[in-house]
Amino acid sequence: MDIVEHYRQKTYAEDLEYLDNDLGGLENLASKLETDVHNGILTSTAECLDKRDKQFGTNKKKPFKRTSKKPTLNP
């Protein structure tokens, strides 16, 4: 079983258990991510956001590259 399929089969209760037992709860996870559960990221200066991108990665995806697809004729 691949890792993606295994994750898809997890239940919400299992996710909450993992959050509490392995990650130390929501407050601890937020602290590790240097954020606040009620207010989000505490600063929004470009310098701080760039630092966060380098430290935690970005959630932006590359734009979808369109390709031209020629229609096929069915015989």
PDB file of N, CA and C in Angstrom:
ATOM      1  N   MET A   1       0.861  -1.179   0.000  1.00  0.00           N
ATOM      2  CA  MET A   1       0.000   0.000   0.000  1.00  0.00           C
ATOM      3  C   MET A   1       0.905   1.240   0.000  1.00  0.00           C
ATOM      4  N   ASP A   2       0.660   2.167  -0.912  1.00  0.00           N
ATOM      5  CA  ASP A   2       1.496   3.356  -0.950  1.00  0.00           C
ATOM      6  C   ASP A   2       1.079   4.331   0.153  1.00  0.00           C
ATOM      7  N   ILE A   3       1.950   5.268   0.442  1.00  0.00           N
ATOM      8  CA  ILE A   3       1.740   6.178   1.569  1.00  0.00           C
ATOM      9  C   ILE A   3       0.511   7.071   1.389  1.00  0.00           C
ATOM     10  N   VAL A   4       0.230   7.476   0.165  1.00  0.00           N
ATOM     11  CA  VAL A   4      -0.936   8.334  -0.086  1.00  0.00           C
ATOM     12  C   VAL A   4      -2.223   7.571   0.195  1.00  0.00           C
ATOM     13  N   GLU A   5      -2.306   6.352  -0.287  1.00  0.00           N
ATOM     14  CA  GLU A   5      -3.510   5.549  -0.052  1.00  0.00           C
ATOM     15  C   GLU A   5      -3.679   5.252   1.429  1.00  0.00           C
ATOM     16  N   HIS A   6      -2.588   4.986   2.116  1.00  0.00           N
ATOM     17  CA  HIS A   6      -2.656   4.751   3.561  1.00  0.00           C
ATOM     18  C   HIS A   6      -3.218   5.984   4.277  1.00  0.00           C
ATOM     19  N   TYR A   7      -2.749   7.165   3.891  1.00  0.00           N
ATOM     20  CA  TYR A   7      -3.244   8.389   4.520  1.00  0.00           C
ATOM     21  C   TYR A   7      -4.732   8.584   4.223  1.00  0.00           C
ATOM     22  N   ARG A   8      -5.157   8.310   3.025  1.00  0.00           N
ATOM     23  CA  ARG A   8      -6.572   8.474   2.659  1.00  0.00           C
ATOM     24  C   ARG A   8      -7.491   7.600   3.489  1.00  0.00           C
ATOM     25  N   GLN A   9      -6.985   6.481   3.970  1.00  0.00           N
ATOM     26  CA  GLN A   9      -7.802   5.563   4.744  1.00  0.00           C
ATOM     27  C   GLN A   9      -7.855   5.917   6.229  1.00  0.00           C
ATOM     28  N   LYS A  10      -7.081   6.906   6.645  1.00  0.00           N
ATOM     29  CA  LYS A  10      -7.103   7.320   8.050  1.00  0.00           C
ATOM     30  C   LYS A  10      -8.415   8.025   8.368  1.00  0.00           C
ATOM     31  N   THR A  11      -8.811   7.906   9.601  1.00  0.00           N
ATOM     32  CA  THR A  11     -10.034   8.568  10.044  1.00  0.00           C
ATOM     33  C   THR A  11      -9.692   9.900  10.692  1.00  0.00           C
ATOM     34  N   TYR A  12     -10.692  10.735  10.819  1.00  0.00           N
ATOM     35  CA  TYR A  12     -10.525  12.030  11.484  1.00  0.00           C
ATOM     36  C   TYR A  12     -10.060  11.824  12.924  1.00  0.00           C
ATOM     37  N   ALA A  13     -10.612  10.827  13.597  1.00  0.00           N
ATOM     38  CA  ALA A  13     -10.227  10.537  14.980  1.00  0.00           C
ATOM     39  C   ALA A  13      -8.747  10.173  15.065  1.00  0.00           C
ATOM     40  N   GLU A  14      -8.249   9.424  14.073  1.00  0.00           N
ATOM     41  CA  GLU A  14      -6.829   9.073  14.058  1.00  0.00           C
ATOM     42  C   GLU A  14      -5.961  10.312  13.860  1.00  0.00           C
ATOM     43  N   ASP A  15      -6.420  11.234  13.019  1.00  0.00           N
ATOM     44  CA  ASP A  15      -5.681  12.481  12.815  1.00  0.00           C
ATOM     45  C   ASP A  15      -5.614  13.295  14.102  1.00  0.00           C
ATOM     46  N   LEU A  16      -6.723  13.380  14.823  1.00  0.00           N
ATOM     47  CA  LEU A  16      -6.742  14.120  16.091  1.00  0.00           C
ATOM     48  C   LEU A  16      -5.848  13.453  17.132  1.00  0.00           C
ATOM     49  N   GLU A  17      -5.873  12.138  17.158  1.00  0.00           N
ATOM     50  CA  GLU A  17      -5.012  11.399  18.085  1.00  0.00           C
ATOM     51  C   GLU A  17      -3.541  11.668  17.773  1.00  0.00           C
ATOM     52  N   TYR A  18      -3.188  11.669  16.490  1.00  0.00           N
ATOM     53  CA  TYR A  18      -1.810  11.968  16.072  1.00  0.00           C
ATOM     54  C   TYR A  18      -1.424  13.389  16.477  1.00  0.00           C
ATOM     55  N   LEU A  19      -2.338  14.330  16.270  1.00  0.00           N
ATOM     56  CA  LEU A  19      -2.082  15.719  16.649  1.00  0.00           C
ATOM     57  C   LEU A  19      -1.805  15.824  18.140  1.00  0.00           C
ATOM     58  N   ASP A  20      -2.618  15.172  18.938  1.00  0.00           N
ATOM     59  CA  ASP A  20      -2.444  15.250  20.396  1.00  0.00           C
ATOM     60  C   ASP A  20      -1.231  14.475  20.889  1.00  0.00           C
ATOM     61  N   ASN A  21      -1.096  13.227  20.459  1.00  0.00           N
ATOM     62  CA  ASN A  21      -0.064  12.344  21.016  1.00  0.00           C
ATOM     63  C   ASN A  21       1.320  12.558  20.425  1.00  0.00           C
ATOM     64  N   ASP A  22       1.388  12.783  19.126  1.00  0.00           N
ATOM     65  CA  ASP A  22       2.698  12.868  18.470  1.00  0.00           C
ATOM     66  C   ASP A  22       3.194  14.294  18.267  1.00  0.00           C
ATOM     67  N   LEU A  23       2.266  15.226  18.100  1.00  0.00           N
ATOM     68  CA  LEU A  23       2.671  16.613  17.838  1.00  0.00           C
ATOM     69  C   LEU A  23       2.508  17.512  19.064  1.00  0.00           C
ATOM     70  N   GLY A  24       1.986  16.974  20.144  1.00  0.00           N
ATOM     71  CA  GLY A  24       1.873  17.746  21.376  1.00  0.00           C
ATOM     72  C   GLY A  24       0.679  18.673  21.422  1.00  0.00           C
ATOM     73  N   GLY A  25      -0.298  18.472  20.581  1.00  0.00           N
ATOM     74  CA  GLY A  25      -1.506  19.298  20.589  1.00  0.00           C
ATOM     75  C   GLY A  25      -1.394  20.485  19.654  1.00  0.00           C
ATOM     76  N   LEU A  26      -2.517  21.133  19.476  1.00  0.00           N
ATOM     77  CA  LEU A  26      -2.610  22.242  18.536  1.00  0.00           C
ATOM     78  C   LEU A  26      -1.736  23.425  18.933  1.00  0.00           C
ATOM     79  N   GLU A  27      -1.739  23.777  20.214  1.00  0.00           N
ATOM     80  CA  GLU A  27      -0.923  24.913  20.671  1.00  0.00           C
ATOM     81  C   GLU A  27       0.561  24.659  20.428  1.00  0.00           C
ATOM     82  N   ASN A  28       1.018  23.442  20.695  1.00  0.00           N
ATOM     83  CA  ASN A  28       2.426  23.106  20.484  1.00  0.00           C
ATOM     84  C   ASN A  28       2.781  23.140  19.003  1.00  0.00           C
ATOM     85  N   LEU A  29       1.902  22.613  18.161  1.00  0.00           N
ATOM     86  CA  LEU A  29       2.145  22.648  16.717  1.00  0.00           C
ATOM     87  C   LEU A  29       2.222  24.086  16.224  1.00  0.00           C
ATOM     88  N   ALA A  30       1.297  24.917  16.669  1.00  0.00           N
ATOM     89  CA  ALA A  30       1.310  26.328  16.270  1.00  0.00           C
ATOM     90  C   ALA A  30       2.601  27.006  16.720  1.00  0.00           C
ATOM     91  N   SER A  31       3.051  26.691  17.912  1.00  0.00           N
ATOM     92  CA  SER A  31       4.296  27.264  18.421  1.00  0.00           C
ATOM     93  C   SER A  31       5.477  26.859  17.546  1.00  0.00           C
ATOM     94  N   LYS A  32       5.533  25.591  17.154  1.00  0.00           N
ATOM     95  CA  LYS A  32       6.623  25.115  16.286  1.00  0.00           C
ATOM     96  C   LYS A  32       6.588  25.794  14.927  1.00  0.00           C
ATOM     97  N   LEU A  33       5.376  26.151  14.469  1.00  0.00           N
ATOM     98  CA  LEU A  33       5.234  26.835  13.186  1.00  0.00           C
ATOM     99  C   LEU A  33       5.336  28.353  13.325  1.00  0.00           C
ATOM    100  N   GLU A  34       5.644  28.786  14.542  1.00  0.00           N
ATOM    101  CA  GLU A  34       5.792  30.221  14.845  1.00  0.00           C
ATOM    102  C   GLU A  34       4.565  31.010  14.412  1.00  0.00           C
ATOM    103  N   THR A  35       3.406  30.534  14.860  1.00  0.00           N
ATOM    104  CA  THR A  35       2.143  31.187  14.555  1.00  0.00           C
ATOM    105  C   THR A  35       1.237  31.104  15.772  1.00  0.00           C
ATOM    106  N   ASP A  36       0.063  31.680  15.676  1.00  0.00           N
ATOM    107  CA  ASP A  36      -0.893  31.703  16.774  1.00  0.00           C
ATOM    108  C   ASP A  36      -2.206  31.092  16.289  1.00  0.00           C
ATOM    109  N   VAL A  37      -2.825  30.234  17.105  1.00  0.00           N
ATOM    110  CA  VAL A  37      -4.039  29.544  16.664  1.00  0.00           C
ATOM    111  C   VAL A  37      -5.219  30.493  16.486  1.00  0.00           C
ATOM    112  N   HIS A  38      -5.190  31.650  17.118  1.00  0.00           N
ATOM    113  CA  HIS A  38      -6.299  32.595  17.013  1.00  0.00           C
ATOM    114  C   HIS A  38      -6.023  33.730  16.026  1.00  0.00           C
ATOM    115  N   ASN A  39      -4.760  34.132  15.911  1.00  0.00           N
ATOM    116  CA  ASN A  39      -4.421  35.303  15.104  1.00  0.00           C
ATOM    117  C   ASN A  39      -3.585  35.003  13.865  1.00  0.00           C
ATOM    118  N   GLY A  40      -3.188  33.763  13.680  1.00  0.00           N
ATOM    119  CA  GLY A  40      -2.396  33.414  12.506  1.00  0.00           C
ATOM    120  C   GLY A  40      -0.953  33.874  12.627  1.00  0.00           C
ATOM    121  N   ILE A  41      -0.347  34.181  11.497  1.00  0.00           N
ATOM    122  CA  ILE A  41       1.027  34.670  11.475  1.00  0.00           C
ATOM    123  C   ILE A  41       1.044  36.050  12.116  1.00  0.00           C
ATOM    124  N   LEU A  42       1.945  36.250  13.051  1.00  0.00           N
ATOM    125  CA  LEU A  42       1.925  37.462  13.854  1.00  0.00           C
ATOM    126  C   LEU A  42       2.533  38.672  13.163  1.00  0.00           C
ATOM    127  N   THR A  43       3.237  38.483  12.090  1.00  0.00           N
ATOM    128  CA  THR A  43       3.812  39.596  11.354  1.00  0.00           C
ATOM    129  C   THR A  43       3.658  39.328   9.866  1.00  0.00           C
ATOM    130  N   SER A  44       3.559  40.381   9.103  1.00  0.00           N
ATOM    131  CA  SER A  44       3.379  40.171   7.665  1.00  0.00           C
ATOM    132  C   SER A  44       4.341  41.016   6.840  1.00  0.00           C
ATOM    133  N   THR A  45       5.490  41.380   7.419  1.00  0.00           N
ATOM    134  CA  THR A  45       6.459  42.120   6.628  1.00  0.00           C
ATOM    135  C   THR A  45       7.059  41.188   5.581  1.00  0.00           C
ATOM    136  N   ALA A  46       7.464  41.743   4.474  1.00  0.00           N
ATOM    137  CA  ALA A  46       8.029  40.936   3.388  1.00  0.00           C
ATOM    138  C   ALA A  46       9.238  40.143   3.866  1.00  0.00           C
ATOM    139  N   GLU A  47      10.048  40.750   4.704  1.00  0.00           N
ATOM    140  CA  GLU A  47      11.247  40.079   5.208  1.00  0.00           C
ATOM    141  C   GLU A  47      10.879  38.847   6.043  1.00  0.00           C
ATOM    142  N   CYS A  48       9.897  38.995   6.920  1.00  0.00           N
ATOM    143  CA  CYS A  48       9.469  37.873   7.756  1.00  0.00           C
ATOM    144  C   CYS A  48       8.804  36.778   6.923  1.00  0.00           C
ATOM    145  N   LEU A  49       8.012  37.175   5.948  1.00  0.00           N
ATOM    146  CA  LEU A  49       7.356  36.182   5.102  1.00  0.00           C
ATOM    147  C   LEU A  49       8.371  35.424   4.255  1.00  0.00           C
ATOM    148  N   ASP A  50       9.398  36.110   3.769  1.00  0.00           N
ATOM    149  CA  ASP A  50      10.467  35.436   3.030  1.00  0.00           C
ATOM    150  C   ASP A  50      11.197  34.439   3.922  1.00  0.00           C
ATOM    151  N   LYS A  51      11.455  34.837   5.184  1.00  0.00           N
ATOM    152  CA  LYS A  51      12.110  33.952   6.143  1.00  0.00           C
ATOM    153  C   LYS A  51      11.247  32.711   6.384  1.00  0.00           C
ATOM    154  N   ARG A  52       9.937  32.899   6.519  1.00  0.00           N
ATOM    155  CA  ARG A  52       9.030  31.768   6.744  1.00  0.00           C
ATOM    156  C   ARG A  52       9.033  30.829   5.539  1.00  0.00           C
ATOM    157  N   ASP A  53       9.049  31.391   4.333  1.00  0.00           N
ATOM    158  CA  ASP A  53       9.095  30.563   3.127  1.00  0.00           C
ATOM    159  C   ASP A  53      10.349  29.696   3.105  1.00  0.00           C
ATOM    160  N   LYS A  54      11.483  30.283   3.496  1.00  0.00           N
ATOM    161  CA  LYS A  54      12.734  29.528   3.516  1.00  0.00           C
ATOM    162  C   LYS A  54      12.716  28.467   4.611  1.00  0.00           C
ATOM    163  N   GLN A  55      12.144  28.808   5.760  1.00  0.00           N
ATOM    164  CA  GLN A  55      12.149  27.910   6.908  1.00  0.00           C
ATOM    165  C   GLN A  55      11.124  26.781   6.767  1.00  0.00           C
ATOM    166  N   PHE A  56       9.903  27.117   6.339  1.00  0.00           N
ATOM    167  CA  PHE A  56       8.818  26.144   6.319  1.00  0.00           C
ATOM    168  C   PHE A  56       8.392  25.723   4.915  1.00  0.00           C
ATOM    169  N   GLY A  57       8.870  26.422   3.913  1.00  0.00           N
ATOM    170  CA  GLY A  57       8.439  26.160   2.550  1.00  0.00           C
ATOM    171  C   GLY A  57       7.253  27.043   2.202  1.00  0.00           C
ATOM    172  N   THR A  58       6.944  27.097   0.944  1.00  0.00           N
ATOM    173  CA  THR A  58       5.854  27.939   0.487  1.00  0.00           C
ATOM    174  C   THR A  58       4.656  27.070   0.138  1.00  0.00           C
ATOM    175  N   ASN A  59       3.482  27.659   0.171  1.00  0.00           N
ATOM    176  CA  ASN A  59       2.294  26.897  -0.214  1.00  0.00           C
ATOM    177  C   ASN A  59       1.826  27.289  -1.611  1.00  0.00           C
ATOM    178  N   LYS A  60       2.711  27.953  -2.346  1.00  0.00           N
ATOM    179  CA  LYS A  60       2.383  28.342  -3.714  1.00  0.00           C
ATOM    180  C   LYS A  60       2.775  27.224  -4.662  1.00  0.00           C
ATOM    181  N   LYS A  61       1.983  27.059  -5.685  1.00  0.00           N
ATOM    182  CA  LYS A  61       2.292  26.072  -6.717  1.00  0.00           C
ATOM    183  C   LYS A  61       2.637  26.796  -7.998  1.00  0.00           C
ATOM    184  N   LYS A  62       3.443  26.143  -8.811  1.00  0.00           N
ATOM    185  CA  LYS A  62       3.774  26.717 -10.106  1.00  0.00           C
ATOM    186  C   LYS A  62       2.503  26.754 -10.951  1.00  0.00           C
ATOM    187  N   PRO A  63       2.365  27.779 -11.769  1.00  0.00           N
ATOM    188  CA  PRO A  63       1.170  27.850 -12.621  1.00  0.00           C
ATOM    189  C   PRO A  63       1.081  26.640 -13.537  1.00  0.00           C
ATOM    190  N   PHE A  64      -0.128  26.213 -13.779  1.00  0.00           N
ATOM    191  CA  PHE A  64      -0.372  25.082 -14.662  1.00  0.00           C
ATOM    192  C   PHE A  64       0.065  25.454 -16.071  1.00  0.00           C
ATOM    193  N   LYS A  65       0.836  24.586 -16.697  1.00  0.00           N
ATOM    194  CA  LYS A  65       1.303  24.848 -18.050  1.00  0.00           C
ATOM    195  C   LYS A  65       0.327  24.205 -19.033  1.00  0.00           C
ATOM    196  N   ARG A  66      -0.304  25.038 -19.811  1.00  0.00           N
ATOM    197  CA  ARG A  66      -1.265  24.536 -20.795  1.00  0.00           C
ATOM    198  C   ARG A  66      -0.536  23.989 -22.006  1.00  0.00           C
ATOM    199  N   THR A  67      -1.079  22.953 -22.528  1.00  0.00           N
ATOM    200  CA  THR A  67      -0.554  22.393 -23.766  1.00  0.00           C
ATOM    201  C   THR A  67      -1.685  22.341 -24.775  1.00  0.00           C
ATOM    202  N   SER A  68      -1.323  22.521 -26.007  1.00  0.00           N
ATOM    203  CA  SER A  68      -2.373  22.441 -27.025  1.00  0.00           C
ATOM    204  C   SER A  68      -2.597  20.969 -27.326  1.00  0.00           C
ATOM    205  N   LYS A  69      -3.819  20.612 -27.358  1.00  0.00           N
ATOM    206  CA  LYS A  69      -4.183  19.224 -27.608  1.00  0.00           C
ATOM    207  C   LYS A  69      -5.026  19.181 -28.869  1.00  0.00           C
ATOM    208  N   LYS A  70      -4.508  18.497 -29.857  1.00  0.00           N
ATOM    209  CA  LYS A  70      -5.241  18.385 -31.106  1.00  0.00           C
ATOM    210  C   LYS A  70      -6.367  17.385 -30.922  1.00  0.00           C
ATOM    211  N   PRO A  71      -7.557  17.718 -31.415  1.00  0.00           N
ATOM    212  CA  PRO A  71      -8.664  16.770 -31.289  1.00  0.00           C
ATOM    213  C   PRO A  71      -8.404  15.534 -32.130  1.00  0.00           C
ATOM    214  N   THR A  72      -8.806  14.414 -31.581  1.00  0.00           N
ATOM    215  CA  THR A  72      -8.662  13.170 -32.337  1.00  0.00           C
ATOM    216  C   THR A  72     -10.007  12.804 -32.928  1.00  0.00           C
ATOM    217  N   LEU A  73      -9.954  12.276 -34.108  1.00  0.00           N
ATOM    218  CA  LEU A  73     -11.182  11.865 -34.785  1.00  0.00           C
ATOM    219  C   LEU A  73     -11.436  10.393 -34.514  1.00  0.00           C
ATOM    220  N   ASN A  74     -12.626  10.083 -34.130  1.00  0.00           N
ATOM    221  CA  ASN A  74     -12.991   8.690 -33.923  1.00  0.00           C
ATOM    222  C   ASN A  74     -13.411   8.082 -35.266  1.00  0.00           C
ATOM    223  N   PRO A  75     -12.821   6.932 -35.642  1.00  0.00           N
ATOM    224  CA  PRO A  75     -13.160   6.317 -36.935  1.00  0.00           C
ATOM    225  C   PRO A  75     -14.578   5.800 -36.977  1.00  0.00           C
TER     226      PRO A  75
END
